[in-house]
Amino acid sequence: MGNPIDLHIADQPGIEIDGDLVARGLGLGVDRFRELMAIRKISVLCERGTGEDAGLYRASFYHEGRRMRLVVDAGGQPVDHPSQTPGGA
């Protein structure tokens, strides 16, 4: 993983997700992505899986009408293909 992003989930250890992957998914360079994260111009939603999805997390990153969504394991490794959706839908 090149540039990990820390995600902190209540009562769970932090998860690191590859920042390069997320930046590309949002159509941003890595430096610009990190800058926008630092000034909170990128929103993040992280959901914990239950039932058959226990142990998995869905992380969604939103910026200017774009969404990058990843499903990752507890180590931050993607378990399926990322999806990007114009308009944040």
N, C-alpha and C. Protein backbone atom coordinates (compact mmCIF):
# COMPACT_ATOMS: atom_id res chain seq x y z
N MET A 1 0.86 -1.17 0.00
CA MET A 1 0.00 0.00 0.00
C MET A 1 0.90 1.23 0.00
N GLY A 2 0.68 2.14 -0.94
CA GLY A 2 1.54 3.29 -1.10
C GLY A 2 1.33 4.41 -0.11
N ASN A 3 0.12 4.95 -0.02
CA ASN A 3 -0.17 6.11 0.82
C ASN A 3 -1.42 5.83 1.63
N PRO A 4 -1.27 5.18 2.78
CA PRO A 4 -2.46 4.80 3.55
C PRO A 4 -3.18 5.99 4.17
N ILE A 5 -4.49 5.86 4.27
CA ILE A 5 -5.36 6.83 4.94
C ILE A 5 -5.89 6.12 6.17
N ASP A 6 -5.81 6.72 7.33
CA ASP A 6 -6.35 6.13 8.54
C ASP A 6 -7.84 6.40 8.64
N LEU A 7 -8.62 5.36 8.90
CA LEU A 7 -10.04 5.50 9.20
C LEU A 7 -10.24 5.00 10.61
N HIS A 8 -10.87 5.79 11.44
CA HIS A 8 -11.10 5.39 12.83
C HIS A 8 -12.58 5.08 13.02
N ILE A 9 -12.84 3.89 13.49
CA ILE A 9 -14.20 3.41 13.68
C ILE A 9 -14.40 3.18 15.17
N ALA A 10 -15.52 3.67 15.70
CA ALA A 10 -15.79 3.53 17.13
C ALA A 10 -15.64 2.07 17.57
N ASP A 11 -14.92 1.88 18.66
CA ASP A 11 -14.70 0.56 19.26
C ASP A 11 -14.00 -0.43 18.33
N GLN A 12 -13.31 0.07 17.32
CA GLN A 12 -12.58 -0.78 16.40
C GLN A 12 -11.19 -0.18 16.18
N PRO A 13 -10.22 -1.03 15.86
CA PRO A 13 -8.91 -0.46 15.52
C PRO A 13 -9.02 0.32 14.22
N GLY A 14 -8.11 1.26 14.00
CA GLY A 14 -8.11 2.03 12.76
C GLY A 14 -7.86 1.13 11.56
N ILE A 15 -8.39 1.52 10.43
CA ILE A 15 -8.20 0.81 9.17
C ILE A 15 -7.45 1.76 8.25
N GLU A 16 -6.45 1.25 7.57
CA GLU A 16 -5.72 2.05 6.59
C GLU A 16 -6.10 1.60 5.20
N ILE A 17 -6.50 2.57 4.36
CA ILE A 17 -6.88 2.30 2.98
C ILE A 17 -5.91 3.04 2.08
N ASP A 18 -5.55 2.44 0.97
CA ASP A 18 -4.59 3.01 0.03
C ASP A 18 -5.10 4.34 -0.52
N GLY A 19 -4.43 5.43 -0.13
CA GLY A 19 -4.83 6.77 -0.56
C GLY A 19 -4.67 6.98 -2.06
N ASP A 20 -3.68 6.31 -2.67
CA ASP A 20 -3.50 6.43 -4.11
C ASP A 20 -4.73 5.91 -4.85
N LEU A 21 -5.26 4.79 -4.40
CA LEU A 21 -6.43 4.19 -5.02
C LEU A 21 -7.64 5.11 -4.92
N VAL A 22 -7.83 5.68 -3.74
CA VAL A 22 -8.97 6.58 -3.54
C VAL A 22 -8.81 7.86 -4.36
N ALA A 23 -7.60 8.42 -4.36
CA ALA A 23 -7.35 9.64 -5.14
C ALA A 23 -7.67 9.41 -6.61
N ARG A 24 -7.18 8.31 -7.17
CA ARG A 24 -7.45 8.00 -8.59
C ARG A 24 -8.95 7.86 -8.82
N GLY A 25 -9.63 7.19 -7.89
CA GLY A 25 -11.07 6.99 -8.04
C GLY A 25 -11.86 8.28 -8.04
N LEU A 26 -11.34 9.29 -7.36
CA LEU A 26 -11.99 10.60 -7.33
C LEU A 26 -11.48 11.53 -8.42
N GLY A 27 -10.54 11.04 -9.24
CA GLY A 27 -10.00 11.85 -10.32
C GLY A 27 -9.05 12.92 -9.83
N LEU A 28 -8.36 12.66 -8.74
CA LEU A 28 -7.44 13.63 -8.13
C LEU A 28 -6.03 13.08 -8.08
N GLY A 29 -5.06 13.99 -8.07
CA GLY A 29 -3.69 13.59 -7.76
C GLY A 29 -3.60 13.31 -6.26
N VAL A 30 -2.62 12.52 -5.89
CA VAL A 30 -2.49 12.13 -4.48
C VAL A 30 -2.26 13.33 -3.58
N ASP A 31 -1.39 14.26 -3.99
CA ASP A 31 -1.11 15.43 -3.15
C ASP A 31 -2.37 16.28 -2.96
N ARG A 32 -3.11 16.49 -4.05
CA ARG A 32 -4.36 17.28 -3.94
C ARG A 32 -5.37 16.55 -3.07
N PHE A 33 -5.47 15.24 -3.22
CA PHE A 33 -6.38 14.45 -2.40
C PHE A 33 -6.05 14.61 -0.92
N ARG A 34 -4.78 14.48 -0.57
CA ARG A 34 -4.38 14.61 0.84
C ARG A 34 -4.66 16.02 1.37
N GLU A 35 -4.43 17.03 0.53
CA GLU A 35 -4.73 18.40 0.93
C GLU A 35 -6.22 18.57 1.22
N LEU A 36 -7.05 18.06 0.32
CA LEU A 36 -8.51 18.16 0.51
C LEU A 36 -8.97 17.37 1.73
N MET A 37 -8.36 16.22 2.00
CA MET A 37 -8.69 15.45 3.21
C MET A 37 -8.33 16.28 4.45
N ALA A 38 -7.16 16.91 4.43
CA ALA A 38 -6.69 17.67 5.58
C ALA A 38 -7.60 18.85 5.91
N ILE A 39 -8.18 19.47 4.89
CA ILE A 39 -9.06 20.62 5.13
C ILE A 39 -10.54 20.21 5.10
N ARG A 40 -10.77 18.93 5.18
CA ARG A 40 -12.13 18.35 5.28
C ARG A 40 -13.04 18.73 4.12
N LYS A 41 -12.48 18.74 2.91
CA LYS A 41 -13.28 18.98 1.72
C LYS A 41 -13.69 17.66 1.06
N ILE A 42 -13.22 16.56 1.62
CA ILE A 42 -13.64 15.23 1.19
C ILE A 42 -14.35 14.60 2.38
N SER A 43 -15.58 14.17 2.16
CA SER A 43 -16.36 13.52 3.21
C SER A 43 -16.13 12.02 3.14
N VAL A 44 -16.14 11.39 4.31
CA VAL A 44 -15.90 9.95 4.38
C VAL A 44 -16.99 9.31 5.23
N LEU A 45 -17.52 8.21 4.74
CA LEU A 45 -18.48 7.40 5.49
C LEU A 45 -17.94 5.99 5.50
N CYS A 46 -17.79 5.41 6.68
CA CYS A 46 -17.30 4.04 6.80
C CYS A 46 -18.36 3.22 7.54
N GLU A 47 -18.76 2.12 6.92
CA GLU A 47 -19.80 1.25 7.48
C GLU A 47 -19.22 -0.13 7.76
N ARG A 48 -19.59 -0.70 8.89
CA ARG A 48 -19.11 -2.02 9.29
C ARG A 48 -20.12 -3.07 8.86
N GLY A 49 -19.64 -4.14 8.22
CA GLY A 49 -20.51 -5.21 7.77
C GLY A 49 -21.04 -6.04 8.93
N THR A 50 -22.22 -6.61 8.74
CA THR A 50 -22.82 -7.50 9.73
C THR A 50 -23.22 -8.80 9.03
N GLY A 51 -23.58 -9.80 9.83
CA GLY A 51 -24.01 -11.07 9.25
C GLY A 51 -22.92 -11.66 8.38
N GLU A 52 -23.26 -12.02 7.15
CA GLU A 52 -22.28 -12.64 6.26
C GLU A 52 -21.19 -11.66 5.84
N ASP A 53 -21.40 -10.37 6.07
CA ASP A 53 -20.39 -9.36 5.75
C ASP A 53 -19.56 -8.96 6.96
N ALA A 54 -19.72 -9.65 8.08
CA ALA A 54 -18.94 -9.34 9.28
C ALA A 54 -17.45 -9.41 8.94
N GLY A 55 -16.71 -8.45 9.46
CA GLY A 55 -15.28 -8.38 9.20
C GLY A 55 -14.93 -7.54 7.98
N LEU A 56 -15.96 -7.06 7.27
CA LEU A 56 -15.75 -6.20 6.11
C LEU A 56 -16.23 -4.79 6.42
N TYR A 57 -15.68 -3.83 5.69
CA TYR A 57 -16.04 -2.43 5.87
C TYR A 57 -16.26 -1.80 4.50
N ARG A 58 -17.26 -0.94 4.40
CA ARG A 58 -17.49 -0.19 3.17
C ARG A 58 -17.14 1.27 3.45
N ALA A 59 -16.14 1.75 2.74
CA ALA A 59 -15.69 3.13 2.90
C ALA A 59 -16.08 3.91 1.65
N SER A 60 -16.81 5.00 1.86
CA SER A 60 -17.24 5.85 0.76
C SER A 60 -16.62 7.23 0.95
N PHE A 61 -16.01 7.75 -0.13
CA PHE A 61 -15.37 9.05 -0.12
C PHE A 61 -16.13 9.93 -1.11
N TYR A 62 -16.49 11.15 -0.69
CA TYR A 62 -17.30 12.06 -1.50
C TYR A 62 -16.56 13.38 -1.71
N HIS A 63 -16.57 13.84 -2.96
CA HIS A 63 -15.97 15.15 -3.27
C HIS A 63 -16.60 15.70 -4.54
N GLU A 64 -17.17 16.90 -4.44
CA GLU A 64 -17.73 17.62 -5.57
C GLU A 64 -18.56 16.74 -6.51
N GLY A 65 -19.53 16.06 -5.95
CA GLY A 65 -20.44 15.26 -6.75
C GLY A 65 -19.90 13.92 -7.20
N ARG A 66 -18.72 13.54 -6.74
CA ARG A 66 -18.14 12.25 -7.10
C ARG A 66 -18.07 11.38 -5.85
N ARG A 67 -18.17 10.06 -6.08
CA ARG A 67 -18.07 9.12 -4.97
C ARG A 67 -17.11 8.01 -5.35
N MET A 68 -16.27 7.64 -4.41
CA MET A 68 -15.38 6.48 -4.53
C MET A 68 -15.74 5.56 -3.39
N ARG A 69 -16.12 4.33 -3.69
CA ARG A 69 -16.53 3.39 -2.65
C ARG A 69 -15.68 2.14 -2.75
N LEU A 70 -15.20 1.70 -1.59
CA LEU A 70 -14.41 0.47 -1.49
C LEU A 70 -14.98 -0.42 -0.40
N VAL A 71 -14.97 -1.71 -0.64
CA VAL A 71 -15.24 -2.68 0.41
C VAL A 71 -13.88 -3.29 0.74
N VAL A 72 -13.51 -3.20 2.02
CA VAL A 72 -12.19 -3.66 2.45
C VAL A 72 -12.32 -4.60 3.64
N ASP A 73 -11.26 -5.38 3.86
CA ASP A 73 -11.19 -6.21 5.06
C ASP A 73 -10.60 -5.38 6.20
N ALA A 74 -10.43 -5.98 7.37
CA ALA A 74 -9.94 -5.25 8.53
C ALA A 74 -8.52 -4.73 8.34
N GLY A 75 -7.79 -5.30 7.37
CA GLY A 75 -6.44 -4.82 7.06
C GLY A 75 -6.42 -3.72 6.03
N GLY A 76 -7.60 -3.29 5.55
CA GLY A 76 -7.70 -2.22 4.57
C GLY A 76 -7.52 -2.68 3.13
N GLN A 77 -7.46 -3.99 2.92
CA GLN A 77 -7.28 -4.51 1.56
C GLN A 77 -8.64 -4.62 0.86
N PRO A 78 -8.75 -4.07 -0.36
CA PRO A 78 -10.02 -4.17 -1.10
C PRO A 78 -10.40 -5.63 -1.34
N VAL A 79 -11.69 -5.91 -1.20
CA VAL A 79 -12.17 -7.27 -1.44
C VAL A 79 -13.04 -7.35 -2.68
N ASP A 80 -13.33 -6.22 -3.28
CA ASP A 80 -14.00 -6.22 -4.58
C ASP A 80 -13.54 -4.98 -5.34
N HIS A 81 -14.07 -4.76 -6.51
CA HIS A 81 -13.64 -3.63 -7.33
C HIS A 81 -14.24 -2.34 -6.81
N PRO A 82 -13.42 -1.26 -6.78
CA PRO A 82 -13.96 0.04 -6.36
C PRO A 82 -15.00 0.54 -7.35
N SER A 83 -15.91 1.35 -6.86
CA SER A 83 -16.90 1.94 -7.75
C SER A 83 -16.90 3.44 -7.58
N GLN A 84 -17.08 4.13 -8.67
CA GLN A 84 -17.20 5.57 -8.64
C GLN A 84 -18.54 5.92 -9.26
N THR A 85 -19.23 6.86 -8.67
CA THR A 85 -20.53 7.23 -9.19
C THR A 85 -20.63 8.73 -9.30
N PRO A 86 -20.82 9.27 -10.51
CA PRO A 86 -21.04 10.71 -10.63
C PRO A 86 -22.33 11.09 -9.89
N GLY A 87 -22.32 12.24 -9.30
CA GLY A 87 -23.51 12.71 -8.61
C GLY A 87 -23.68 12.17 -7.22
N GLY A 88 -22.76 11.31 -6.76
CA GLY A 88 -22.81 10.81 -5.39
C GLY A 88 -23.95 9.85 -5.10
N ALA A 89 -24.61 9.33 -6.12
CA ALA A 89 -25.74 8.42 -5.88
C ALA A 89 -25.27 7.02 -5.58
